[in-house]
Amino acid sequence: MSAWAKGVLAEALDSVCEQRDAKHILVNGAYTSQMDSTNGLLEGRREGDKFYRANGDVLQADHNAALNVLARLDDGEISRFTPYTEVRRILLARSPAQLSVKRVELGTKVRQPTADESYAQICATF
């Protein structure tokens, strides 16, 4: 059912674009709603219809994402078929050094200690 709906939507978009003499170009949408459109970095956070920038400014989330989709047209490193994990690595590599402190750009997951491990560490210090 969803494949049928997706096909119908694609045909409708193509039809409308043809009628209006417009282009319909597909881009990779990975992380476009989680990026800050003013600097192109993977900073800030989206909550509902608001995007909170790292500096505290608030943007309308869908408008922010649309600007990121538009910018993705000219991105030479991210193609339509780039896996989302690779997109994340590319975006984090573009980010400033403070994100590298967490070793996120290397793809390593930072594991939080369990409560038992934390308790054992505290007891070991006394």
PDB file of N, CA and C in Angstrom:
ATOM      1  N   MET A   1       0.825  -1.188   0.000  1.00  0.00           N
ATOM      2  CA  MET A   1       0.000   0.000   0.000  1.00  0.00           C
ATOM      3  C   MET A   1       0.874   1.259   0.000  1.00  0.00           C
ATOM      4  N   SER A   2       1.910   1.260   0.863  1.00  0.00           N
ATOM      5  CA  SER A   2       2.754   2.457   0.925  1.00  0.00           C
ATOM      6  C   SER A   2       3.555   2.641  -0.362  1.00  0.00           C
ATOM      7  N   ALA A   3       3.962   1.539  -0.987  1.00  0.00           N
ATOM      8  CA  ALA A   3       4.687   1.650  -2.261  1.00  0.00           C
ATOM      9  C   ALA A   3       3.778   2.245  -3.330  1.00  0.00           C
ATOM     10  N   TRP A   4       2.507   1.843  -3.327  1.00  0.00           N
ATOM     11  CA  TRP A   4       1.553   2.398  -4.275  1.00  0.00           C
ATOM     12  C   TRP A   4       1.380   3.897  -4.043  1.00  0.00           C
ATOM     13  N   ALA A   5       1.212   4.288  -2.779  1.00  0.00           N
ATOM     14  CA  ALA A   5       1.031   5.708  -2.446  1.00  0.00           C
ATOM     15  C   ALA A   5       2.268   6.514  -2.833  1.00  0.00           C
ATOM     16  N   LYS A   6       3.438   5.943  -2.601  1.00  0.00           N
ATOM     17  CA  LYS A   6       4.683   6.627  -2.967  1.00  0.00           C
ATOM     18  C   LYS A   6       4.756   6.832  -4.480  1.00  0.00           C
ATOM     19  N   GLY A   7       4.338   5.820  -5.246  1.00  0.00           N
ATOM     20  CA  GLY A   7       4.343   5.933  -6.702  1.00  0.00           C
ATOM     21  C   GLY A   7       3.352   6.979  -7.201  1.00  0.00           C
ATOM     22  N   VAL A   8       2.173   7.016  -6.588  1.00  0.00           N
ATOM     23  CA  VAL A   8       1.162   7.999  -6.976  1.00  0.00           C
ATOM     24  C   VAL A   8       1.659   9.406  -6.670  1.00  0.00           C
ATOM     25  N   LEU A   9       2.271   9.589  -5.509  1.00  0.00           N
ATOM     26  CA  LEU A   9       2.805  10.900  -5.140  1.00  0.00           C
ATOM     27  C   LEU A   9       3.915  11.328  -6.105  1.00  0.00           C
ATOM     28  N   ALA A  10       4.792  10.408  -6.461  1.00  0.00           N
ATOM     29  CA  ALA A  10       5.883  10.730  -7.397  1.00  0.00           C
ATOM     30  C   ALA A  10       5.331  11.139  -8.759  1.00  0.00           C
ATOM     31  N   GLU A  11       4.306  10.431  -9.226  1.00  0.00           N
ATOM     32  CA  GLU A  11       3.688  10.788 -10.506  1.00  0.00           C
ATOM     33  C   GLU A  11       3.030  12.161 -10.436  1.00  0.00           C
ATOM     34  N   ALA A  12       2.372  12.448  -9.322  1.00  0.00           N
ATOM     35  CA  ALA A  12       1.722  13.754  -9.160  1.00  0.00           C
ATOM     36  C   ALA A  12       2.750  14.877  -9.152  1.00  0.00           C
ATOM     37  N   LEU A  13       3.860  14.672  -8.451  1.00  0.00           N
ATOM     38  CA  LEU A  13       4.919  15.690  -8.429  1.00  0.00           C
ATOM     39  C   LEU A  13       5.491  15.918  -9.820  1.00  0.00           C
ATOM     40  N   ASP A  14       5.743  14.837 -10.540  1.00  0.00           N
ATOM     41  CA  ASP A  14       6.258  14.966 -11.905  1.00  0.00           C
ATOM     42  C   ASP A  14       5.273  15.704 -12.800  1.00  0.00           C
ATOM     43  N   SER A  15       4.005  15.401 -12.665  1.00  0.00           N
ATOM     44  CA  SER A  15       2.974  16.035 -13.475  1.00  0.00           C
ATOM     45  C   SER A  15       2.879  17.539 -13.197  1.00  0.00           C
ATOM     46  N   VAL A  16       2.848  17.906 -11.931  1.00  0.00           N
ATOM     47  CA  VAL A  16       2.761  19.318 -11.558  1.00  0.00           C
ATOM     48  C   VAL A  16       4.008  20.072 -12.021  1.00  0.00           C
ATOM     49  N   CYS A  17       5.166  19.470 -11.854  1.00  0.00           N
ATOM     50  CA  CYS A  17       6.408  20.123 -12.286  1.00  0.00           C
ATOM     51  C   CYS A  17       6.428  20.322 -13.796  1.00  0.00           C
ATOM     52  N   GLU A  18       5.928  19.337 -14.523  1.00  0.00           N
ATOM     53  CA  GLU A  18       5.873  19.461 -15.983  1.00  0.00           C
ATOM     54  C   GLU A  18       4.905  20.571 -16.403  1.00  0.00           C
ATOM     55  N   GLN A  19       3.764  20.652 -15.747  1.00  0.00           N
ATOM     56  CA  GLN A  19       2.779  21.681 -16.070  1.00  0.00           C
ATOM     57  C   GLN A  19       3.305  23.079 -15.786  1.00  0.00           C
ATOM     58  N   ARG A  20       4.106  23.203 -14.767  1.00  0.00           N
ATOM     59  CA  ARG A  20       4.603  24.520 -14.359  1.00  0.00           C
ATOM     60  C   ARG A  20       6.010  24.809 -14.878  1.00  0.00           C
ATOM     61  N   ASP A  21       6.526  23.920 -15.710  1.00  0.00           N
ATOM     62  CA  ASP A  21       7.862  24.060 -16.276  1.00  0.00           C
ATOM     63  C   ASP A  21       8.914  24.216 -15.174  1.00  0.00           C
ATOM     64  N   ALA A  22       8.827  23.334 -14.185  1.00  0.00           N
ATOM     65  CA  ALA A  22       9.752  23.347 -13.045  1.00  0.00           C
ATOM     66  C   ALA A  22      10.553  22.055 -13.026  1.00  0.00           C
ATOM     67  N   LYS A  23      11.633  22.060 -12.272  1.00  0.00           N
ATOM     68  CA  LYS A  23      12.468  20.871 -12.112  1.00  0.00           C
ATOM     69  C   LYS A  23      12.068  20.133 -10.843  1.00  0.00           C
ATOM     70  N   HIS A  24      12.143  18.826 -10.910  1.00  0.00           N
ATOM     71  CA  HIS A  24      11.920  17.969  -9.741  1.00  0.00           C
ATOM     72  C   HIS A  24      13.182  17.135  -9.580  1.00  0.00           C
ATOM     73  N   ILE A  25      14.014  17.518  -8.610  1.00  0.00           N
ATOM     74  CA  ILE A  25      15.297  16.850  -8.399  1.00  0.00           C
ATOM     75  C   ILE A  25      15.282  16.195  -7.026  1.00  0.00           C
ATOM     76  N   LEU A  26      15.646  14.926  -6.971  1.00  0.00           N
ATOM     77  CA  LEU A  26      15.700  14.203  -5.707  1.00  0.00           C
ATOM     78  C   LEU A  26      17.078  14.366  -5.079  1.00  0.00           C
ATOM     79  N   VAL A  27      17.110  14.611  -3.764  1.00  0.00           N
ATOM     80  CA  VAL A  27      18.370  14.722  -3.032  1.00  0.00           C
ATOM     81  C   VAL A  27      18.300  13.811  -1.818  1.00  0.00           C
ATOM     82  N   ASN A  28      19.446  13.578  -1.219  1.00  0.00           N
ATOM     83  CA  ASN A  28      19.537  12.792   0.005  1.00  0.00           C
ATOM     84  C   ASN A  28      19.050  13.669   1.162  1.00  0.00           C
ATOM     85  N   GLY A  29      18.010  13.245   1.836  1.00  0.00           N
ATOM     86  CA  GLY A  29      17.416  14.042   2.904  1.00  0.00           C
ATOM     87  C   GLY A  29      17.961  13.732   4.285  1.00  0.00           C
ATOM     88  N   ALA A  30      18.992  12.896   4.391  1.00  0.00           N
ATOM     89  CA  ALA A  30      19.509  12.495   5.701  1.00  0.00           C
ATOM     90  C   ALA A  30      20.007  13.696   6.501  1.00  0.00           C
ATOM     91  N   TYR A  31      19.508  13.843   7.695  1.00  0.00           N
ATOM     92  CA  TYR A  31      19.906  14.861   8.676  1.00  0.00           C
ATOM     93  C   TYR A  31      19.562  16.295   8.266  1.00  0.00           C
ATOM     94  N   THR A  32      18.735  16.492   7.237  1.00  0.00           N
ATOM     95  CA  THR A  32      18.411  17.857   6.837  1.00  0.00           C
ATOM     96  C   THR A  32      17.553  18.575   7.878  1.00  0.00           C
ATOM     97  N   SER A  33      16.793  17.830   8.673  1.00  0.00           N
ATOM     98  CA  SER A  33      15.982  18.489   9.698  1.00  0.00           C
ATOM     99  C   SER A  33      16.752  18.677  10.999  1.00  0.00           C
ATOM    100  N   GLN A  34      17.967  18.137  11.076  1.00  0.00           N
ATOM    101  CA  GLN A  34      18.765  18.245  12.292  1.00  0.00           C
ATOM    102  C   GLN A  34      19.966  19.157  12.124  1.00  0.00           C
ATOM    103  N   MET A  35      20.112  19.749  10.942  1.00  0.00           N
ATOM    104  CA  MET A  35      21.229  20.651  10.655  1.00  0.00           C
ATOM    105  C   MET A  35      20.794  22.099  10.821  1.00  0.00           C
ATOM    106  N   ASP A  36      21.738  22.933  11.155  1.00  0.00           N
ATOM    107  CA  ASP A  36      21.499  24.374  11.219  1.00  0.00           C
ATOM    108  C   ASP A  36      21.700  24.930   9.814  1.00  0.00           C
ATOM    109  N   SER A  37      20.648  25.492   9.229  1.00  0.00           N
ATOM    110  CA  SER A  37      20.728  25.970   7.845  1.00  0.00           C
ATOM    111  C   SER A  37      21.576  27.220   7.694  1.00  0.00           C
ATOM    112  N   THR A  38      21.842  27.939   8.770  1.00  0.00           N
ATOM    113  CA  THR A  38      22.633  29.164   8.649  1.00  0.00           C
ATOM    114  C   THR A  38      24.118  28.880   8.500  1.00  0.00           C
ATOM    115  N   ASN A  39      24.587  27.744   9.054  1.00  0.00           N
ATOM    116  CA  ASN A  39      26.010  27.431   8.934  1.00  0.00           C
ATOM    117  C   ASN A  39      26.269  26.049   8.331  1.00  0.00           C
ATOM    118  N   GLY A  40      25.211  25.255   8.097  1.00  0.00           N
ATOM    119  CA  GLY A  40      25.370  23.944   7.478  1.00  0.00           C
ATOM    120  C   GLY A  40      25.974  22.888   8.373  1.00  0.00           C
ATOM    121  N   LEU A  41      25.998  23.135   9.676  1.00  0.00           N
ATOM    122  CA  LEU A  41      26.605  22.187  10.606  1.00  0.00           C
ATOM    123  C   LEU A  41      25.538  21.392  11.351  1.00  0.00           C
ATOM    124  N   LEU A  42      25.938  20.250  11.840  1.00  0.00           N
ATOM    125  CA  LEU A  42      25.044  19.377  12.596  1.00  0.00           C
ATOM    126  C   LEU A  42      25.048  19.827  14.055  1.00  0.00           C
ATOM    127  N   GLU A  43      24.502  21.010  14.275  1.00  0.00           N
ATOM    128  CA  GLU A  43      24.440  21.604  15.611  1.00  0.00           C
ATOM    129  C   GLU A  43      22.995  21.982  15.887  1.00  0.00           C
ATOM    130  N   GLY A  44      22.670  22.139  17.140  1.00  0.00           N
ATOM    131  CA  GLY A  44      21.315  22.507  17.508  1.00  0.00           C
ATOM    132  C   GLY A  44      20.439  21.281  17.627  1.00  0.00           C
ATOM    133  N   ARG A  45      19.143  21.515  17.858  1.00  0.00           N
ATOM    134  CA  ARG A  45      18.218  20.393  17.988  1.00  0.00           C
ATOM    135  C   ARG A  45      16.832  20.802  17.509  1.00  0.00           C
ATOM    136  N   ARG A  46      16.131  19.815  16.980  1.00  0.00           N
ATOM    137  CA  ARG A  46      14.762  20.041  16.528  1.00  0.00           C
ATOM    138  C   ARG A  46      13.817  19.472  17.568  1.00  0.00           C
ATOM    139  N   GLU A  47      12.834  20.284  17.946  1.00  0.00           N
ATOM    140  CA  GLU A  47      11.778  19.838  18.853  1.00  0.00           C
ATOM    141  C   GLU A  47      10.458  20.301  18.261  1.00  0.00           C
ATOM    142  N   GLY A  48       9.728  19.359  17.689  1.00  0.00           N
ATOM    143  CA  GLY A  48       8.447  19.694  17.074  1.00  0.00           C
ATOM    144  C   GLY A  48       8.624  20.610  15.888  1.00  0.00           C
ATOM    145  N   ASP A  49       7.966  21.756  15.913  1.00  0.00           N
ATOM    146  CA  ASP A  49       8.059  22.691  14.789  1.00  0.00           C
ATOM    147  C   ASP A  49       9.087  23.788  15.022  1.00  0.00           C
ATOM    148  N   LYS A  50       9.975  23.584  15.999  1.00  0.00           N
ATOM    149  CA  LYS A  50      11.023  24.572  16.289  1.00  0.00           C
ATOM    150  C   LYS A  50      12.394  23.924  16.188  1.00  0.00           C
ATOM    151  N   PHE A  51      13.335  24.696  15.654  1.00  0.00           N
ATOM    152  CA  PHE A  51      14.732  24.264  15.617  1.00  0.00           C
ATOM    153  C   PHE A  51      15.524  25.231  16.474  1.00  0.00           C
ATOM    154  N   TYR A  52      16.162  24.711  17.504  1.00  0.00           N
ATOM    155  CA  TYR A  52      16.946  25.528  18.430  1.00  0.00           C
ATOM    156  C   TYR A  52      18.407  25.490  17.998  1.00  0.00           C
ATOM    157  N   ARG A  53      18.918  26.638  17.574  1.00  0.00           N
ATOM    158  CA  ARG A  53      20.313  26.737  17.163  1.00  0.00           C
ATOM    159  C   ARG A  53      21.220  26.641  18.378  1.00  0.00           C
ATOM    160  N   ALA A  54      22.489  26.344  18.164  1.00  0.00           N
ATOM    161  CA  ALA A  54      23.448  26.213  19.257  1.00  0.00           C
ATOM    162  C   ALA A  54      23.622  27.522  20.022  1.00  0.00           C
ATOM    163  N   ASN A  55      23.394  28.659  19.352  1.00  0.00           N
ATOM    164  CA  ASN A  55      23.557  29.957  20.017  1.00  0.00           C
ATOM    165  C   ASN A  55      22.282  30.417  20.730  1.00  0.00           C
ATOM    166  N   GLY A  56      21.209  29.590  20.673  1.00  0.00           N
ATOM    167  CA  GLY A  56      19.975  29.925  21.367  1.00  0.00           C
ATOM    168  C   GLY A  56      18.881  30.487  20.490  1.00  0.00           C
ATOM    169  N   ASP A  57      19.188  30.890  19.258  1.00  0.00           N
ATOM    170  CA  ASP A  57      18.156  31.385  18.352  1.00  0.00           C
ATOM    171  C   ASP A  57      17.188  30.253  18.002  1.00  0.00           C
ATOM    172  N   VAL A  58      15.964  30.610  17.687  1.00  0.00           N
ATOM    173  CA  VAL A  58      14.941  29.624  17.337  1.00  0.00           C
ATOM    174  C   VAL A  58      14.483  29.876  15.911  1.00  0.00           C
ATOM    175  N   LEU A  59      14.465  28.818  15.101  1.00  0.00           N
ATOM    176  CA  LEU A  59      14.008  28.884  13.718  1.00  0.00           C
ATOM    177  C   LEU A  59      12.790  27.992  13.547  1.00  0.00           C
ATOM    178  N   GLN A  60      11.978  28.271  12.529  1.00  0.00           N
ATOM    179  CA  GLN A  60      10.882  27.376  12.206  1.00  0.00           C
ATOM    180  C   GLN A  60      11.509  26.124  11.600  1.00  0.00           C
ATOM    181  N   ALA A  61      11.211  24.956  12.150  1.00  0.00           N
ATOM    182  CA  ALA A  61      11.929  23.722  11.817  1.00  0.00           C
ATOM    183  C   ALA A  61      11.771  23.306  10.362  1.00  0.00           C
ATOM    184  N   ASP A  62      10.577  23.397   9.809  1.00  0.00           N
ATOM    185  CA  ASP A  62      10.384  22.971   8.423  1.00  0.00           C
ATOM    186  C   ASP A  62      11.079  23.906   7.433  1.00  0.00           C
ATOM    187  N   HIS A  63      11.080  25.189   7.724  1.00  0.00           N
ATOM    188  CA  HIS A  63      11.784  26.150   6.869  1.00  0.00           C
ATOM    189  C   HIS A  63      13.285  25.893   6.931  1.00  0.00           C
ATOM    190  N   ASN A  64      13.796  25.632   8.120  1.00  0.00           N
ATOM    191  CA  ASN A  64      15.208  25.303   8.307  1.00  0.00           C
ATOM    192  C   ASN A  64      15.577  24.061   7.485  1.00  0.00           C
ATOM    193  N   ALA A  65      14.736  23.017   7.570  1.00  0.00           N
ATOM    194  CA  ALA A  65      14.999  21.781   6.832  1.00  0.00           C
ATOM    195  C   ALA A  65      14.933  22.006   5.324  1.00  0.00           C
ATOM    196  N   ALA A  66      13.974  22.819   4.877  1.00  0.00           N
ATOM    197  CA  ALA A  66      13.845  23.101   3.442  1.00  0.00           C
ATOM    198  C   ALA A  66      15.083  23.813   2.904  1.00  0.00           C
ATOM    199  N   LEU A  67      15.634  24.733   3.692  1.00  0.00           N
ATOM    200  CA  LEU A  67      16.866  25.410   3.273  1.00  0.00           C
ATOM    201  C   LEU A  67      18.032  24.419   3.199  1.00  0.00           C
ATOM    202  N   ASN A  68      18.056  23.449   4.101  1.00  0.00           N
ATOM    203  CA  ASN A  68      19.106  22.425   4.066  1.00  0.00           C
ATOM    204  C   ASN A  68      18.950  21.517   2.846  1.00  0.00           C
ATOM    205  N   VAL A  69      17.718  21.185   2.475  1.00  0.00           N
ATOM    206  CA  VAL A  69      17.475  20.372   1.277  1.00  0.00           C
ATOM    207  C   VAL A  69      17.953  21.132   0.049  1.00  0.00           C
ATOM    208  N   LEU A  70      17.651  22.411  -0.013  1.00  0.00           N
ATOM    209  CA  LEU A  70      18.093  23.243  -1.144  1.00  0.00           C
ATOM    210  C   LEU A  70      19.621  23.291  -1.220  1.00  0.00           C
ATOM    211  N   ALA A  71      20.272  23.425  -0.077  1.00  0.00           N
ATOM    212  CA  ALA A  71      21.739  23.460  -0.047  1.00  0.00           C
ATOM    213  C   ALA A  71      22.335  22.111  -0.438  1.00  0.00           C
ATOM    214  N   ARG A  72      21.617  21.023  -0.184  1.00  0.00           N
ATOM    215  CA  ARG A  72      22.112  19.685  -0.504  1.00  0.00           C
ATOM    216  C   ARG A  72      22.258  19.480  -2.004  1.00  0.00           C
ATOM    217  N   LEU A  73      21.539  20.274  -2.813  1.00  0.00           N
ATOM    218  CA  LEU A  73      21.662  20.176  -4.274  1.00  0.00           C
ATOM    219  C   LEU A  73      23.093  20.404  -4.731  1.00  0.00           C
ATOM    220  N   ASP A  74      23.795  21.324  -4.079  1.00  0.00           N
ATOM    221  CA  ASP A  74      25.150  21.693  -4.488  1.00  0.00           C
ATOM    222  C   ASP A  74      26.237  21.009  -3.669  1.00  0.00           C
ATOM    223  N   ASP A  75      25.873  20.050  -2.843  1.00  0.00           N
ATOM    224  CA  ASP A  75      26.848  19.373  -1.995  1.00  0.00           C
ATOM    225  C   ASP A  75      27.532  18.269  -2.804  1.00  0.00           C
ATOM    226  N   GLY A  76      28.795  18.459  -3.079  1.00  0.00           N
ATOM    227  CA  GLY A  76      29.541  17.495  -3.879  1.00  0.00           C
ATOM    228  C   GLY A  76      29.908  16.222  -3.146  1.00  0.00           C
ATOM    229  N   GLU A  77      29.908  16.237  -1.827  1.00  0.00           N
ATOM    230  CA  GLU A  77      30.300  15.053  -1.048  1.00  0.00           C
ATOM    231  C   GLU A  77      29.134  14.104  -0.772  1.00  0.00           C
ATOM    232  N   ILE A  78      27.903  14.624  -0.791  1.00  0.00           N
ATOM    233  CA  ILE A  78      26.744  13.817  -0.423  1.00  0.00           C
ATOM    234  C   ILE A  78      25.860  13.643  -1.655  1.00  0.00           C
ATOM    235  N   SER A  79      25.810  12.411  -2.157  1.00  0.00           N
ATOM    236  CA  SER A  79      24.949  12.121  -3.303  1.00  0.00           C
ATOM    237  C   SER A  79      23.607  11.606  -2.798  1.00  0.00           C
ATOM    238  N   ARG A  80      22.709  11.385  -3.715  1.00  0.00           N
ATOM    239  CA  ARG A  80      21.381  10.906  -3.344  1.00  0.00           C
ATOM    240  C   ARG A  80      21.436   9.549  -2.660  1.00  0.00           C
ATOM    241  N   PHE A  81      22.396   8.727  -3.014  1.00  0.00           N
ATOM    242  CA  PHE A  81      22.454   7.366  -2.506  1.00  0.00           C
ATOM    243  C   PHE A  81      23.517   7.163  -1.423  1.00  0.00           C
ATOM    244  N   THR A  82      24.065   8.229  -0.869  1.00  0.00           N
ATOM    245  CA  THR A  82      25.025   8.114   0.225  1.00  0.00           C
ATOM    246  C   THR A  82      24.293   7.598   1.464  1.00  0.00           C
ATOM    247  N   PRO A  83      24.793   6.535   2.099  1.00  0.00           N
ATOM    248  CA  PRO A  83      24.118   6.011   3.296  1.00  0.00           C
ATOM    249  C   PRO A  83      24.088   7.058   4.411  1.00  0.00           C
ATOM    250  N   TYR A  84      23.043   7.005   5.232  1.00  0.00           N
ATOM    251  CA  TYR A  84      22.876   8.022   6.269  1.00  0.00           C
ATOM    252  C   TYR A  84      24.039   8.019   7.259  1.00  0.00           C
ATOM    253  N   THR A  85      24.660   6.862   7.479  1.00  0.00           N
ATOM    254  CA  THR A  85      25.799   6.817   8.405  1.00  0.00           C
ATOM    255  C   THR A  85      26.988   7.584   7.826  1.00  0.00           C
ATOM    256  N   GLU A  86      27.165   7.495   6.517  1.00  0.00           N
ATOM    257  CA  GLU A  86      28.240   8.238   5.856  1.00  0.00           C
ATOM    258  C   GLU A  86      27.922   9.732   5.835  1.00  0.00           C
ATOM    259  N   VAL A  87      26.641  10.073   5.637  1.00  0.00           N
ATOM    260  CA  VAL A  87      26.230  11.479   5.676  1.00  0.00           C
ATOM    261  C   VAL A  87      26.552  12.065   7.039  1.00  0.00           C
ATOM    262  N   ARG A  88      26.240  11.335   8.101  1.00  0.00           N
ATOM    263  CA  ARG A  88      26.531  11.798   9.464  1.00  0.00           C
ATOM    264  C   ARG A  88      28.033  12.010   9.660  1.00  0.00           C
ATOM    265  N   ARG A  89      28.846  11.070   9.165  1.00  0.00           N
ATOM    266  CA  ARG A  89      30.298  11.191   9.304  1.00  0.00           C
ATOM    267  C   ARG A  89      30.800  12.435   8.574  1.00  0.00           C
ATOM    268  N   ILE A  90      30.289  12.680   7.374  1.00  0.00           N
ATOM    269  CA  ILE A  90      30.696  13.855   6.592  1.00  0.00           C
ATOM    270  C   ILE A  90      30.311  15.134   7.316  1.00  0.00           C
ATOM    271  N   LEU A  91      29.083  15.187   7.824  1.00  0.00           N
ATOM    272  CA  LEU A  91      28.622  16.394   8.510  1.00  0.00           C
ATOM    273  C   LEU A  91      29.393  16.655   9.794  1.00  0.00           C
ATOM    274  N   LEU A  92      29.701  15.599  10.537  1.00  0.00           N
ATOM    275  CA  LEU A  92      30.475  15.773  11.771  1.00  0.00           C
ATOM    276  C   LEU A  92      31.914  16.181  11.472  1.00  0.00           C
ATOM    277  N   ALA A  93      32.456  15.705  10.348  1.00  0.00           N
ATOM    278  CA  ALA A  93      33.814  16.106   9.965  1.00  0.00           C
ATOM    279  C   ALA A  93      33.876  17.591   9.621  1.00  0.00           C
ATOM    280  N   ARG A  94      32.768  18.153   9.179  1.00  0.00           N
ATOM    281  CA  ARG A  94      32.708  19.584   8.867  1.00  0.00           C
ATOM    282  C   ARG A  94      32.529  20.438  10.119  1.00  0.00           C
ATOM    283  N   SER A  95      32.144  19.825  11.213  1.00  0.00           N
ATOM    284  CA  SER A  95      31.851  20.561  12.440  1.00  0.00           C
ATOM    285  C   SER A  95      33.125  21.017  13.123  1.00  0.00           C
ATOM    286  N   PRO A  96      33.013  22.020  13.966  1.00  0.00           N
ATOM    287  CA  PRO A  96      34.188  22.514  14.678  1.00  0.00           C
ATOM    288  C   PRO A  96      34.756  21.478  15.642  1.00  0.00           C
ATOM    289  N   ALA A  97      35.924  21.769  16.166  1.00  0.00           N
ATOM    290  CA  ALA A  97      36.677  20.816  16.984  1.00  0.00           C
ATOM    291  C   ALA A  97      35.970  20.409  18.266  1.00  0.00           C
ATOM    292  N   GLN A  98      35.084  21.246  18.831  1.00  0.00           N
ATOM    293  CA  GLN A  98      34.488  20.883  20.102  1.00  0.00           C
ATOM    294  C   GLN A  98      33.658  19.607  20.009  1.00  0.00           C
ATOM    295  N   LEU A  99      33.154  19.242  18.829  1.00  0.00           N
ATOM    296  CA  LEU A  99      32.426  17.994  18.696  1.00  0.00           C
ATOM    297  C   LEU A  99      33.358  16.795  18.680  1.00  0.00           C
ATOM    298  N   SER A 100      34.613  17.005  18.310  1.00  0.00           N
ATOM    299  CA  SER A 100      35.539  15.889  18.249  1.00  0.00           C
ATOM    300  C   SER A 100      35.979  15.440  19.632  1.00  0.00           C
ATOM    301  N   VAL A 101      35.727  16.236  20.649  1.00  0.00           N
ATOM    302  CA  VAL A 101      36.077  15.837  22.009  1.00  0.00           C
ATOM    303  C   VAL A 101      35.314  14.584  22.398  1.00  0.00           C
ATOM    304  N   LYS A 102      34.095  14.443  21.907  1.00  0.00           N
ATOM    305  CA  LYS A 102      33.269  13.292  22.227  1.00  0.00           C
ATOM    306  C   LYS A 102      33.576  12.093  21.327  1.00  0.00           C
ATOM    307  N   ARG A 103      34.489  12.219  20.405  1.00  0.00           N
ATOM    308  CA  ARG A 103      34.879  11.173  19.459  1.00  0.00           C
ATOM    309  C   ARG A 103      33.714  10.723  18.598  1.00  0.00           C
ATOM    310  N   VAL A 104      32.760  11.586  18.373  1.00  0.00           N
ATOM    311  CA  VAL A 104      31.571  11.223  17.629  1.00  0.00           C
ATOM    312  C   VAL A 104      31.876  11.057  16.148  1.00  0.00           C
ATOM    313  N   GLU A 105      32.782  11.890  15.615  1.00  0.00           N
ATOM    314  CA  GLU A 105      33.030  11.847  14.191  1.00  0.00           C
ATOM    315  C   GLU A 105      33.695  10.560  13.755  1.00  0.00           C
ATOM    316  N   LEU A 106      34.288   9.820  14.694  1.00  0.00           N
ATOM    317  CA  LEU A 106      34.934   8.567  14.347  1.00  0.00           C
ATOM    318  C   LEU A 106      33.947   7.406  14.324  1.00  0.00           C
ATOM    319  N   GLY A 107      32.718   7.682  14.726  1.00  0.00           N
ATOM    320  CA  GLY A 107      31.709   6.642  14.717  1.00  0.00           C
ATOM    321  C   GLY A 107      31.734   5.771  15.959  1.00  0.00           C
ATOM    322  N   THR A 108      32.605   6.085  16.914  1.00  0.00           N
ATOM    323  CA  THR A 108      32.631   5.305  18.139  1.00  0.00           C
ATOM    324  C   THR A 108      31.515   5.770  19.049  1.00  0.00           C
ATOM    325  N   LYS A 109      30.844   4.803  19.633  1.00  0.00           N
ATOM    326  CA  LYS A 109      29.755   5.141  20.531  1.00  0.00           C
ATOM    327  C   LYS A 109      30.318   5.287  21.940  1.00  0.00           C
ATOM    328  N   VAL A 110      29.906   6.340  22.595  1.00  0.00           N
ATOM    329  CA  VAL A 110      30.323   6.568  23.968  1.00  0.00           C
ATOM    330  C   VAL A 110      29.337   5.831  24.851  1.00  0.00           C
ATOM    331  N   ARG A 111      29.825   4.826  25.569  1.00  0.00           N
ATOM    332  CA  ARG A 111      28.959   4.006  26.392  1.00  0.00           C
ATOM    333  C   ARG A 111      28.913   4.565  27.798  1.00  0.00           C
ATOM    334  N   GLN A 112      27.707   4.782  28.288  1.00  0.00           N
ATOM    335  CA  GLN A 112      27.539   5.239  29.654  1.00  0.00           C
ATOM    336  C   GLN A 112      27.672   4.041  30.590  1.00  0.00           C
ATOM    337  N   PRO A 113      28.378   4.192  31.715  1.00  0.00           N
ATOM    338  CA  PRO A 113      28.488   3.074  32.645  1.00  0.00           C
ATOM    339  C   PRO A 113      27.135   2.769  33.279  1.00  0.00           C
ATOM    340  N   THR A 114      26.932   1.508  33.609  1.00  0.00           N
ATOM    341  CA  THR A 114      25.695   1.136  34.288  1.00  0.00           C
ATOM    342  C   THR A 114      25.761   1.616  35.724  1.00  0.00           C
ATOM    343  N   ALA A 115      24.639   1.537  36.402  1.00  0.00           N
ATOM    344  CA  ALA A 115      24.592   1.971  37.799  1.00  0.00           C
ATOM    345  C   ALA A 115      25.538   1.140  38.652  1.00  0.00           C
ATOM    346  N   ASP A 116      25.631  -0.168  38.370  1.00  0.00           N
ATOM    347  CA  ASP A 116      26.531  -1.040  39.138  1.00  0.00           C
ATOM    348  C   ASP A 116      27.988  -0.655  38.925  1.00  0.00           C
ATOM    349  N   GLU A 117      28.350  -0.326  37.686  1.00  0.00           N
ATOM    350  CA  GLU A 117      29.724   0.076  37.388  1.00  0.00           C
ATOM    351  C   GLU A 117      30.055   1.400  38.066  1.00  0.00           C
ATOM    352  N   SER A 118      29.103   2.341  38.028  1.00  0.00           N
ATOM    353  CA  SER A 118      29.319   3.630  38.668  1.00  0.00           C
ATOM    354  C   SER A 118      29.497   3.465  40.165  1.00  0.00           C
ATOM    355  N   TYR A 119      28.673   2.615  40.762  1.00  0.00           N
ATOM    356  CA  TYR A 119      28.750   2.364  42.204  1.00  0.00           C
ATOM    357  C   TYR A 119      30.090   1.725  42.559  1.00  0.00           C
ATOM    358  N   ALA A 120      30.536   0.791  41.710  1.00  0.00           N
ATOM    359  CA  ALA A 120      31.821   0.134  41.959  1.00  0.00           C
ATOM    360  C   ALA A 120      32.974   1.129  41.865  1.00  0.00           C
ATOM    361  N   GLN A 121      32.885   2.067  40.931  1.00  0.00           N
ATOM    362  CA  GLN A 121      33.940   3.080  40.801  1.00  0.00           C
ATOM    363  C   GLN A 121      33.970   3.999  42.006  1.00  0.00           C
ATOM    364  N   ILE A 122      32.815   4.356  42.506  1.00  0.00           N
ATOM    365  CA  ILE A 122      32.747   5.220  43.676  1.00  0.00           C
ATOM    366  C   ILE A 122      33.310   4.508  44.893  1.00  0.00           C
ATOM    367  N   CYS A 123      32.935   3.236  45.066  1.00  0.00           N
ATOM    368  CA  CYS A 123      33.423   2.461  46.207  1.00  0.00           C
ATOM    369  C   CYS A 123      34.936   2.258  46.125  1.00  0.00           C
ATOM    370  N   ALA A 124      35.468   2.129  44.908  1.00  0.00           N
ATOM    371  CA  ALA A 124      36.907   1.914  44.743  1.00  0.00           C
ATOM    372  C   ALA A 124      37.716   3.140  45.148  1.00  0.00           C
ATOM    373  N   THR A 125      37.117   4.333  45.092  1.00  0.00           N
ATOM    374  CA  THR A 125      37.854   5.530  45.430  1.00  0.00           C
ATOM    375  C   THR A 125      37.949   5.744  46.942  1.00  0.00           C
ATOM    376  N   PHE A 126      37.122   5.040  47.732  1.00  0.00           N
ATOM    377  CA  PHE A 126      37.147   5.217  49.192  1.00  0.00           C
ATOM    378  C   PHE A 126      37.938   4.163  49.880  1.00  0.00           C
TER     379      PHE A 126
END
